[in-house]
Amino acid sequence: MKLQVPEDVALVGFDYVDFLDVLGYPLTVVSRPTSEMGSIAMQLLLDRINGEDNKAYQRIMLQSYL
């Protein structure tokens, strides 16, 4: 039995990378806001270094995209 994409099998990836365009068939990808994640992480680190953050735990939720 020979399977074909996308007729028989669907692929889902995580984090878009440019070379996926050369696959030649559709690929669903879940993307995270990596730039925003980095900016927030840097700000939290600077706040902690400067003594402006006295929280032991903080939850930050960002939107992922399909």
PDB file of N, CA and C in Angstrom:
ATOM      1  N   MET A   1       0.833  -1.183   0.000  1.00  0.00           N
ATOM      2  CA  MET A   1       0.000   0.000   0.000  1.00  0.00           C
ATOM      3  C   MET A   1       0.877   1.244   0.000  1.00  0.00           C
ATOM      4  N   LYS A   2       0.646   2.102  -0.971  1.00  0.00           N
ATOM      5  CA  LYS A   2       1.433   3.328  -1.080  1.00  0.00           C
ATOM      6  C   LYS A   2       0.591   4.510  -0.599  1.00  0.00           C
ATOM      7  N   LEU A   3       1.091   5.226   0.400  1.00  0.00           N
ATOM      8  CA  LEU A   3       0.391   6.396   0.925  1.00  0.00           C
ATOM      9  C   LEU A   3       0.879   7.648   0.220  1.00  0.00           C
ATOM     10  N   GLN A   4      -0.049   8.582   0.020  1.00  0.00           N
ATOM     11  CA  GLN A   4       0.296   9.844  -0.628  1.00  0.00           C
ATOM     12  C   GLN A   4      -0.110  11.010   0.262  1.00  0.00           C
ATOM     13  N   VAL A   5       0.709  12.048   0.202  1.00  0.00           N
ATOM     14  CA  VAL A   5       0.423  13.290   0.920  1.00  0.00           C
ATOM     15  C   VAL A   5      -0.100  14.290  -0.101  1.00  0.00           C
ATOM     16  N   PRO A   6      -1.186  14.961   0.113  1.00  0.00           N
ATOM     17  CA  PRO A   6      -2.050  15.005   1.281  1.00  0.00           C
ATOM     18  C   PRO A   6      -3.281  14.115   1.165  1.00  0.00           C
ATOM     19  N   GLU A   7      -3.380  13.283   0.150  1.00  0.00           N
ATOM     20  CA  GLU A   7      -4.584  12.470  -0.031  1.00  0.00           C
ATOM     21  C   GLU A   7      -4.819  11.486   1.117  1.00  0.00           C
ATOM     22  N   ASP A   8      -3.774  10.806   1.553  1.00  0.00           N
ATOM     23  CA  ASP A   8      -3.916   9.771   2.574  1.00  0.00           C
ATOM     24  C   ASP A   8      -3.388  10.173   3.950  1.00  0.00           C
ATOM     25  N   VAL A   9      -2.438  11.045   3.962  1.00  0.00           N
ATOM     26  CA  VAL A   9      -1.771  11.427   5.205  1.00  0.00           C
ATOM     27  C   VAL A   9      -1.665  12.942   5.263  1.00  0.00           C
ATOM     28  N   ALA A  10      -2.001  13.513   6.409  1.00  0.00           N
ATOM     29  CA  ALA A  10      -1.831  14.949   6.625  1.00  0.00           C
ATOM     30  C   ALA A  10      -0.694  15.157   7.627  1.00  0.00           C
ATOM     31  N   LEU A  11       0.122  16.147   7.360  1.00  0.00           N
ATOM     32  CA  LEU A  11       1.238  16.452   8.246  1.00  0.00           C
ATOM     33  C   LEU A  11       0.975  17.753   8.985  1.00  0.00           C
ATOM     34  N   VAL A  12       1.386  17.790  10.242  1.00  0.00           N
ATOM     35  CA  VAL A  12       1.324  19.015  11.034  1.00  0.00           C
ATOM     36  C   VAL A  12       2.715  19.250  11.592  1.00  0.00           C
ATOM     37  N   GLY A  13       3.226  20.450  11.374  1.00  0.00           N
ATOM     38  CA  GLY A  13       4.550  20.798  11.875  1.00  0.00           C
ATOM     39  C   GLY A  13       4.462  21.780  13.029  1.00  0.00           C
ATOM     40  N   PHE A  14       5.599  21.996  13.681  1.00  0.00           N
ATOM     41  CA  PHE A  14       5.664  22.935  14.794  1.00  0.00           C
ATOM     42  C   PHE A  14       6.797  23.895  14.517  1.00  0.00           C
ATOM     43  N   ASP A  15       6.500  25.174  14.490  1.00  0.00           N
ATOM     44  CA  ASP A  15       7.424  26.264  14.175  1.00  0.00           C
ATOM     45  C   ASP A  15       7.779  26.267  12.689  1.00  0.00           C
ATOM     46  N   TYR A  16       7.294  27.257  12.023  1.00  0.00           N
ATOM     47  CA  TYR A  16       7.500  27.397  10.576  1.00  0.00           C
ATOM     48  C   TYR A  16       8.964  27.689  10.270  1.00  0.00           C
ATOM     49  N   VAL A  17       9.481  27.037   9.263  1.00  0.00           N
ATOM     50  CA  VAL A  17      10.815  27.338   8.740  1.00  0.00           C
ATOM     51  C   VAL A  17      10.703  27.488   7.231  1.00  0.00           C
ATOM     52  N   ASP A  18      11.524  28.341   6.653  1.00  0.00           N
ATOM     53  CA  ASP A  18      11.405  28.704   5.245  1.00  0.00           C
ATOM     54  C   ASP A  18      11.497  27.529   4.279  1.00  0.00           C
ATOM     55  N   PHE A  19      12.301  26.523   4.576  1.00  0.00           N
ATOM     56  CA  PHE A  19      12.486  25.443   3.614  1.00  0.00           C
ATOM     57  C   PHE A  19      11.245  24.565   3.433  1.00  0.00           C
ATOM     58  N   LEU A  20      10.235  24.734   4.270  1.00  0.00           N
ATOM     59  CA  LEU A  20       9.013  23.943   4.124  1.00  0.00           C
ATOM     60  C   LEU A  20       8.288  24.240   2.813  1.00  0.00           C
ATOM     61  N   ASP A  21       8.521  25.408   2.242  1.00  0.00           N
ATOM     62  CA  ASP A  21       7.880  25.773   0.976  1.00  0.00           C
ATOM     63  C   ASP A  21       8.295  24.854  -0.175  1.00  0.00           C
ATOM     64  N   VAL A  22       9.453  24.241  -0.093  1.00  0.00           N
ATOM     65  CA  VAL A  22       9.936  23.406  -1.182  1.00  0.00           C
ATOM     66  C   VAL A  22       9.366  21.986  -1.154  1.00  0.00           C
ATOM     67  N   LEU A  23       8.575  21.656  -0.143  1.00  0.00           N
ATOM     68  CA  LEU A  23       8.016  20.308  -0.044  1.00  0.00           C
ATOM     69  C   LEU A  23       7.067  19.984  -1.186  1.00  0.00           C
ATOM     70  N   GLY A  24       6.338  20.975  -1.660  1.00  0.00           N
ATOM     71  CA  GLY A  24       5.447  20.747  -2.787  1.00  0.00           C
ATOM     72  C   GLY A  24       4.058  20.267  -2.407  1.00  0.00           C
ATOM     73  N   TYR A  25       3.752  20.184  -1.145  1.00  0.00           N
ATOM     74  CA  TYR A  25       2.411  19.812  -0.697  1.00  0.00           C
ATOM     75  C   TYR A  25       2.091  20.617   0.554  1.00  0.00           C
ATOM     76  N   PRO A  26       0.792  20.758   0.842  1.00  0.00           N
ATOM     77  CA  PRO A  26       0.403  21.594   1.983  1.00  0.00           C
ATOM     78  C   PRO A  26       0.863  21.009   3.321  1.00  0.00           C
ATOM     79  N   LEU A  27       1.288  21.878   4.189  1.00  0.00           N
ATOM     80  CA  LEU A  27       1.702  21.471   5.518  1.00  0.00           C
ATOM     81  C   LEU A  27       1.114  22.454   6.523  1.00  0.00           C
ATOM     82  N   THR A  28       0.359  21.944   7.467  1.00  0.00           N
ATOM     83  CA  THR A  28      -0.192  22.772   8.532  1.00  0.00           C
ATOM     84  C   THR A  28       0.886  22.956   9.586  1.00  0.00           C
ATOM     85  N   VAL A  29       1.070  24.191  10.037  1.00  0.00           N
ATOM     86  CA  VAL A  29       2.135  24.486  10.985  1.00  0.00           C
ATOM     87  C   VAL A  29       1.591  25.297  12.154  1.00  0.00           C
ATOM     88  N   VAL A  30       1.974  24.918  13.354  1.00  0.00           N
ATOM     89  CA  VAL A  30       1.670  25.691  14.552  1.00  0.00           C
ATOM     90  C   VAL A  30       2.865  26.606  14.805  1.00  0.00           C
ATOM     91  N   SER A  31       2.620  27.906  14.844  1.00  0.00           N
ATOM     92  CA  SER A  31       3.698  28.879  15.043  1.00  0.00           C
ATOM     93  C   SER A  31       3.559  29.565  16.389  1.00  0.00           C
ATOM     94  N   ARG A  32       4.688  29.798  17.004  1.00  0.00           N
ATOM     95  CA  ARG A  32       4.724  30.528  18.269  1.00  0.00           C
ATOM     96  C   ARG A  32       5.302  31.911  18.015  1.00  0.00           C
ATOM     97  N   PRO A  33       4.918  32.904  18.813  1.00  0.00           N
ATOM     98  CA  PRO A  33       5.450  34.257  18.641  1.00  0.00           C
ATOM     99  C   PRO A  33       6.850  34.369  19.268  1.00  0.00           C
ATOM    100  N   THR A  34       7.856  33.804  18.617  1.00  0.00           N
ATOM    101  CA  THR A  34       9.189  33.695  19.208  1.00  0.00           C
ATOM    102  C   THR A  34       9.825  35.053  19.488  1.00  0.00           C
ATOM    103  N   SER A  35       9.595  36.027  18.626  1.00  0.00           N
ATOM    104  CA  SER A  35      10.159  37.351  18.866  1.00  0.00           C
ATOM    105  C   SER A  35       9.561  37.980  20.121  1.00  0.00           C
ATOM    106  N   GLU A  36       8.254  37.854  20.258  1.00  0.00           N
ATOM    107  CA  GLU A  36       7.579  38.379  21.449  1.00  0.00           C
ATOM    108  C   GLU A  36       8.027  37.624  22.701  1.00  0.00           C
ATOM    109  N   MET A  37       8.220  36.327  22.591  1.00  0.00           N
ATOM    110  CA  MET A  37       8.691  35.533  23.729  1.00  0.00           C
ATOM    111  C   MET A  37      10.065  36.022  24.185  1.00  0.00           C
ATOM    112  N   GLY A  38      10.944  36.281  23.225  1.00  0.00           N
ATOM    113  CA  GLY A  38      12.284  36.770  23.552  1.00  0.00           C
ATOM    114  C   GLY A  38      12.254  38.139  24.202  1.00  0.00           C
ATOM    115  N   SER A  39      11.415  39.030  23.682  1.00  0.00           N
ATOM    116  CA  SER A  39      11.308  40.380  24.239  1.00  0.00           C
ATOM    117  C   SER A  39      10.805  40.344  25.679  1.00  0.00           C
ATOM    118  N   ILE A  40       9.787  39.541  25.918  1.00  0.00           N
ATOM    119  CA  ILE A  40       9.227  39.435  27.267  1.00  0.00           C
ATOM    120  C   ILE A  40      10.255  38.816  28.220  1.00  0.00           C
ATOM    121  N   ALA A  41      10.942  37.781  27.777  1.00  0.00           N
ATOM    122  CA  ALA A  41      11.954  37.134  28.618  1.00  0.00           C
ATOM    123  C   ALA A  41      13.062  38.119  28.982  1.00  0.00           C
ATOM    124  N   MET A  42      13.493  38.930  28.001  1.00  0.00           N
ATOM    125  CA  MET A  42      14.547  39.906  28.272  1.00  0.00           C
ATOM    126  C   MET A  42      14.073  40.956  29.265  1.00  0.00           C
ATOM    127  N   GLN A  43      12.849  41.428  29.117  1.00  0.00           N
ATOM    128  CA  GLN A  43      12.314  42.427  30.037  1.00  0.00           C
ATOM    129  C   GLN A  43      12.191  41.867  31.454  1.00  0.00           C
ATOM    130  N   LEU A  44      11.737  40.627  31.581  1.00  0.00           N
ATOM    131  CA  LEU A  44      11.644  39.994  32.894  1.00  0.00           C
ATOM    132  C   LEU A  44      13.023  39.855  33.542  1.00  0.00           C
ATOM    133  N   LEU A  45      14.024  39.487  32.737  1.00  0.00           N
ATOM    134  CA  LEU A  45      15.381  39.354  33.255  1.00  0.00           C
ATOM    135  C   LEU A  45      15.918  40.704  33.722  1.00  0.00           C
ATOM    136  N   LEU A  46      15.731  41.740  32.909  1.00  0.00           N
ATOM    137  CA  LEU A  46      16.201  43.073  33.298  1.00  0.00           C
ATOM    138  C   LEU A  46      15.499  43.562  34.561  1.00  0.00           C
ATOM    139  N   ASP A  47      14.195  43.312  34.670  1.00  0.00           N
ATOM    140  CA  ASP A  47      13.459  43.699  35.873  1.00  0.00           C
ATOM    141  C   ASP A  47      14.030  43.000  37.105  1.00  0.00           C
ATOM    142  N   ARG A  48      14.357  41.729  36.961  1.00  0.00           N
ATOM    143  CA  ARG A  48      14.910  40.982  38.096  1.00  0.00           C
ATOM    144  C   ARG A  48      16.304  41.483  38.459  1.00  0.00           C
ATOM    145  N   ILE A  49      17.132  41.749  37.457  1.00  0.00           N
ATOM    146  CA  ILE A  49      18.486  42.259  37.711  1.00  0.00           C
ATOM    147  C   ILE A  49      18.423  43.605  38.427  1.00  0.00           C
ATOM    148  N   ASN A  50      17.480  44.459  38.019  1.00  0.00           N
ATOM    149  CA  ASN A  50      17.351  45.796  38.593  1.00  0.00           C
ATOM    150  C   ASN A  50      16.547  45.817  39.891  1.00  0.00           C
ATOM    151  N   GLY A  51      16.127  44.657  40.379  1.00  0.00           N
ATOM    152  CA  GLY A  51      15.396  44.570  41.634  1.00  0.00           C
ATOM    153  C   GLY A  51      13.964  45.067  41.544  1.00  0.00           C
ATOM    154  N   GLU A  52      13.425  45.180  40.343  1.00  0.00           N
ATOM    155  CA  GLU A  52      12.063  45.676  40.151  1.00  0.00           C
ATOM    156  C   GLU A  52      11.024  44.558  40.148  1.00  0.00           C
ATOM    157  N   ASP A  53      11.482  43.320  40.210  1.00  0.00           N
ATOM    158  CA  ASP A  53      10.567  42.173  40.180  1.00  0.00           C
ATOM    159  C   ASP A  53      10.744  41.372  41.463  1.00  0.00           C
ATOM    160  N   ASN A  54       9.714  41.365  42.307  1.00  0.00           N
ATOM    161  CA  ASN A  54       9.810  40.602  43.546  1.00  0.00           C
ATOM    162  C   ASN A  54       8.880  39.399  43.547  1.00  0.00           C
ATOM    163  N   LYS A  55       8.365  39.028  42.367  1.00  0.00           N
ATOM    164  CA  LYS A  55       7.478  37.873  42.259  1.00  0.00           C
ATOM    165  C   LYS A  55       8.313  36.598  42.130  1.00  0.00           C
ATOM    166  N   ALA A  56       7.905  35.558  42.838  1.00  0.00           N
ATOM    167  CA  ALA A  56       8.595  34.272  42.721  1.00  0.00           C
ATOM    168  C   ALA A  56       8.116  33.519  41.487  1.00  0.00           C
ATOM    169  N   TYR A  57       6.886  33.814  41.057  1.00  0.00           N
ATOM    170  CA  TYR A  57       6.300  33.072  39.943  1.00  0.00           C
ATOM    171  C   TYR A  57       5.407  34.010  39.152  1.00  0.00           C
ATOM    172  N   GLN A  58       5.469  33.901  37.852  1.00  0.00           N
ATOM    173  CA  GLN A  58       4.616  34.718  37.002  1.00  0.00           C
ATOM    174  C   GLN A  58       4.213  33.895  35.789  1.00  0.00           C
ATOM    175  N   ARG A  59       2.936  33.916  35.450  1.00  0.00           N
ATOM    176  CA  ARG A  59       2.449  33.171  34.286  1.00  0.00           C
ATOM    177  C   ARG A  59       2.117  34.164  33.174  1.00  0.00           C
ATOM    178  N   ILE A  60       2.710  33.935  32.016  1.00  0.00           N
ATOM    179  CA  ILE A  60       2.449  34.773  30.843  1.00  0.00           C
ATOM    180  C   ILE A  60       2.023  33.840  29.721  1.00  0.00           C
ATOM    181  N   MET A  61       0.870  34.106  29.149  1.00  0.00           N
ATOM    182  CA  MET A  61       0.357  33.267  28.062  1.00  0.00           C
ATOM    183  C   MET A  61       0.335  34.068  26.777  1.00  0.00           C
ATOM    184  N   LEU A  62       0.907  33.504  25.727  1.00  0.00           N
ATOM    185  CA  LEU A  62       0.931  34.143  24.419  1.00  0.00           C
ATOM    186  C   LEU A  62       0.157  33.295  23.431  1.00  0.00           C
ATOM    187  N   GLN A  63      -0.386  33.920  22.428  1.00  0.00           N
ATOM    188  CA  GLN A  63      -1.192  33.252  21.426  1.00  0.00           C
ATOM    189  C   GLN A  63      -0.318  32.516  20.409  1.00  0.00           C
ATOM    190  N   SER A  64      -0.602  31.255  20.170  1.00  0.00           N
ATOM    191  CA  SER A  64       0.024  30.506  19.081  1.00  0.00           C
ATOM    192  C   SER A  64      -0.905  30.552  17.882  1.00  0.00           C
ATOM    193  N   TYR A  65      -0.367  30.326  16.705  1.00  0.00           N
ATOM    194  CA  TYR A  65      -1.159  30.424  15.474  1.00  0.00           C
ATOM    195  C   TYR A  65      -1.056  29.144  14.661  1.00  0.00           C
ATOM    196  N   LEU A  66      -2.146  28.771  14.046  1.00  0.00           N
ATOM    197  CA  LEU A  66      -2.190  27.586  13.196  1.00  0.00           C
ATOM    198  C   LEU A  66      -2.167  28.002  11.744  1.00  0.00           C
TER     199      LEU A  66
END
